[in-house]
């Protein structure tokens, strides 16, 4: 009789642990019109948009995105021989990855040669927010494809002097067709 009680208590304890595990198995977060559901047991994440499930994300998805991101470059230079005075910045986007790029975002900075001070106008001194230095290209790039276009200079503190200033790109954020990262709205539509 004592043995039966011990077995029943053990079974009850195992069932209780199972119920608790099922209650806390999923972590759910809602953000920007998307719902993210993370399964602790399988280490998978699923993303849902208003149109339905986008796709599950396995634990190494972030690594895949970061590795692909390294193969996408955005360079910018002042080029009046190819571009107009209104759009003087020639931007070259190179998709050296094995995936299709649906969208590319980047920031552009202008510095006086030999300094790191930005000449782009900003709003606020404690937490600077640069005005107009975020750029976007929605031209779809197939693997190993390039795209070039002319863009405006961002609003600047001083007028641009080609001989004394350097243009650089940073915070390059591509959105791939088959890798989680970048703009989720674009991903959900392809």
Protein backbone atom coordinates (compact mmCIF):
# COMPACT_ATOMS: atom_id res chain seq x y z
CA UNK A 1 0.00 0.00 0.00
CA UNK A 2 2.86 2.33 0.84
CA UNK A 3 4.49 1.53 -2.49
CA UNK A 4 1.26 2.29 -4.42
CA UNK A 5 0.95 5.68 -2.67
CA UNK A 6 4.57 6.52 -3.55
CA UNK A 7 3.98 5.57 -7.20
CA UNK A 8 0.77 7.65 -7.34
CA UNK A 9 2.56 10.64 -5.79
CA UNK A 10 5.41 10.28 -8.31
CA UNK A 11 2.98 10.07 -11.25
CA UNK A 12 1.06 13.09 -9.91
CA UNK A 13 4.31 15.04 -9.55
CA UNK A 14 5.36 14.17 -13.13
CA UNK A 15 1.96 15.21 -14.47
CA UNK A 16 2.10 18.48 -12.52
CA UNK A 17 5.59 19.23 -13.94
CA UNK A 18 4.29 18.48 -17.45
CA UNK A 19 1.36 20.86 -17.02
CA UNK A 20 3.66 23.61 -15.69
CA UNK A 21 6.05 23.08 -18.64
CA UNK A 22 3.18 23.38 -21.12
CA UNK A 23 1.95 26.55 -19.43
CA UNK A 24 5.36 28.25 -19.76
CA UNK A 25 6.52 26.56 -22.99
CA UNK A 26 5.82 29.54 -25.27
CA UNK A 27 7.03 33.12 -25.02
CA UNK A 28 4.77 35.44 -27.01
CA UNK A 29 5.64 39.01 -28.01
CA UNK A 30 3.57 41.35 -30.19
CA UNK A 31 5.35 44.19 -31.98
CA UNK A 32 4.76 46.31 -35.10
CA UNK A 33 1.79 44.33 -36.41
CA UNK A 34 3.66 41.03 -35.97
CA UNK A 35 3.39 38.31 -33.31
CA UNK A 36 6.53 36.35 -32.37
CA UNK A 37 6.04 32.96 -30.68
CA UNK A 38 9.13 31.28 -29.25
CA UNK A 39 8.93 27.58 -28.30
CA UNK A 40 11.33 26.85 -25.42
CA UNK A 41 11.20 23.08 -25.99
CA UNK A 42 12.06 23.07 -29.71
CA UNK A 43 14.10 26.31 -29.81
CA UNK A 44 12.00 27.55 -32.77
CA UNK A 45 10.40 30.92 -33.34
CA UNK A 46 7.37 31.51 -35.54
CA UNK A 47 6.35 34.91 -36.86
CA UNK A 48 2.78 35.83 -37.72
CA UNK A 49 1.62 38.89 -39.65
CA UNK A 50 -2.00 39.95 -40.15
CA UNK A 51 -1.92 37.78 -43.31
CA UNK A 52 -0.86 34.65 -41.42
CA UNK A 53 2.33 32.77 -40.60
CA UNK A 54 5.49 34.15 -42.21
CA UNK A 55 7.83 31.29 -41.33
CA UNK A 56 9.44 29.52 -38.38
CA UNK A 57 12.87 30.69 -37.27
CA UNK A 58 15.34 28.13 -35.98
CA UNK A 59 18.01 29.15 -33.44
CA UNK A 60 20.75 29.82 -36.04
CA UNK A 61 18.65 32.25 -38.16
CA UNK A 62 20.42 35.28 -36.71
CA UNK A 63 23.80 33.82 -37.71
CA UNK A 64 22.51 33.18 -41.24
CA UNK A 65 21.33 36.79 -41.56
CA UNK A 66 24.60 38.24 -40.20
CA UNK A 67 26.67 36.05 -42.56
CA UNK A 68 24.59 37.10 -45.58
CA UNK A 69 24.65 40.74 -44.48
CA UNK A 70 28.46 40.76 -44.72
CA UNK A 71 28.15 40.07 -48.46
CA UNK A 72 26.05 43.16 -49.18
CA UNK A 73 27.92 46.44 -49.54
CA UNK A 74 26.81 50.01 -50.08
CA UNK A 75 29.34 52.64 -51.17
CA UNK A 76 28.76 56.31 -51.88
CA UNK A 77 30.77 59.01 -53.61
CA UNK A 78 30.25 62.51 -54.91
CA UNK A 79 30.09 62.19 -58.71
CA UNK A 80 28.86 65.07 -60.87
CA UNK A 81 30.04 63.35 -64.06
CA UNK A 82 27.40 60.64 -63.58
CA UNK A 83 24.89 62.40 -61.31
CA UNK A 84 23.15 65.80 -61.30
CA UNK A 85 23.74 68.71 -58.90
CA UNK A 86 20.38 67.95 -57.26
CA UNK A 87 21.30 64.26 -56.81
CA UNK A 88 25.13 64.32 -56.65
CA UNK A 89 25.79 61.17 -54.60
CA UNK A 90 26.44 58.02 -56.62
CA UNK A 91 25.49 54.98 -54.53
CA UNK A 92 26.52 51.48 -55.53
CA UNK A 93 24.81 48.50 -53.88
CA UNK A 94 26.48 45.13 -54.41
CA UNK A 95 24.68 41.90 -53.52
CA UNK A 96 27.58 39.44 -53.22
CA UNK A 97 25.39 36.97 -51.29
CA UNK A 98 23.64 33.81 -52.48
CA UNK A 99 20.20 35.18 -51.55
CA UNK A 100 17.90 37.70 -53.21
CA UNK A 101 17.87 41.15 -51.55
CA UNK A 102 14.38 42.68 -51.42
CA UNK A 103 15.29 46.01 -49.82
CA UNK A 104 18.42 47.84 -48.64
CA UNK A 105 18.61 50.60 -46.04
CA UNK A 106 21.69 52.57 -45.00
CA UNK A 107 22.81 55.80 -43.40
CA UNK A 108 25.12 58.31 -45.02
CA UNK A 109 27.58 60.53 -43.18
CA UNK A 110 29.73 63.42 -44.40
CA UNK A 111 32.93 64.30 -42.55
CA UNK A 112 35.62 66.92 -43.03
CA UNK A 113 38.79 65.07 -44.12
CA UNK A 114 40.87 64.06 -41.12
CA UNK A 115 38.03 64.40 -38.58
CA UNK A 116 35.23 62.21 -37.28
CA UNK A 117 32.78 65.07 -36.72
CA UNK A 118 29.61 64.69 -38.77
CA UNK A 119 28.65 67.62 -40.97
CA UNK A 120 25.10 66.29 -41.30
CA UNK A 121 22.50 68.43 -39.50
CA UNK A 122 21.21 66.90 -36.30
CA UNK A 123 18.33 67.48 -33.96
CA UNK A 124 19.23 67.39 -30.25
CA UNK A 125 22.65 67.45 -28.62
CA UNK A 126 22.38 64.83 -25.85
CA UNK A 127 21.03 62.08 -28.10
CA UNK A 128 21.78 63.30 -31.61
CA UNK A 129 19.24 62.39 -34.25
CA UNK A 130 20.63 63.04 -37.69
CA UNK A 131 18.14 64.59 -40.07
CA UNK A 132 17.74 63.09 -43.52
CA UNK A 133 20.70 60.72 -43.50
CA UNK A 134 18.68 57.49 -43.76
CA UNK A 135 18.41 56.12 -47.28
CA UNK A 136 16.38 53.31 -48.83
CA UNK A 137 16.47 51.27 -52.04
CA UNK A 138 13.61 48.90 -52.88
CA UNK A 139 15.06 47.61 -56.15
CA UNK A 140 15.27 43.79 -55.85
CA UNK A 141 18.80 42.49 -56.33
CA UNK A 142 19.36 38.90 -57.38
CA UNK A 143 22.47 37.08 -56.06
CA UNK A 144 25.70 38.63 -57.39
CA UNK A 145 23.81 41.61 -58.88
CA UNK A 146 24.71 45.31 -58.52
CA UNK A 147 22.59 48.45 -58.55
CA UNK A 148 23.66 52.08 -58.90
CA UNK A 149 21.62 55.26 -58.48
CA UNK A 150 22.07 58.94 -57.62
CA UNK A 151 20.78 60.39 -54.34
CA UNK A 152 20.54 63.77 -52.64
CA UNK A 153 23.03 64.90 -50.01
CA UNK A 154 21.57 64.93 -46.50
CA UNK A 155 20.93 68.38 -44.96
CA UNK A 156 24.33 69.65 -43.83
CA UNK A 157 25.81 72.20 -41.42
CA UNK A 158 28.17 73.58 -44.12
CA UNK A 159 27.93 73.46 -47.89
CA UNK A 160 29.57 70.41 -49.41
CA UNK A 161 33.19 70.79 -50.57
CA UNK A 162 34.28 67.79 -52.63
CA UNK A 163 38.00 68.41 -51.99
CA UNK A 164 37.71 68.72 -48.22
CA UNK A 165 34.94 66.24 -47.31
CA UNK A 166 34.52 62.47 -47.15
CA UNK A 167 31.26 60.56 -47.66
CA UNK A 168 30.75 57.20 -45.99
CA UNK A 169 27.90 54.73 -45.50
CA UNK A 170 27.09 52.85 -42.29
CA UNK A 171 24.29 50.82 -40.64
CA UNK A 172 23.68 48.87 -43.84
CA UNK A 173 20.52 46.80 -43.38
CA UNK A 174 19.52 44.50 -46.24
CA UNK A 175 16.28 42.51 -46.23
CA UNK A 176 16.69 39.06 -47.77
CA UNK A 177 13.99 36.88 -49.29
CA UNK A 178 15.02 33.78 -47.28
CA UNK A 179 16.76 35.03 -44.13
CA UNK A 180 15.18 36.58 -41.05
CA UNK A 181 16.36 40.16 -40.57
CA UNK A 182 15.82 43.63 -41.97
CA UNK A 183 12.32 44.89 -42.70
CA UNK A 184 9.70 42.36 -41.59
CA UNK A 185 6.90 44.03 -43.51
CA UNK A 186 8.80 43.53 -46.77
CA UNK A 187 9.61 39.92 -45.84
CA UNK A 188 5.97 39.17 -45.08
CA UNK A 189 4.92 40.26 -48.59
CA UNK A 190 7.37 37.97 -50.46
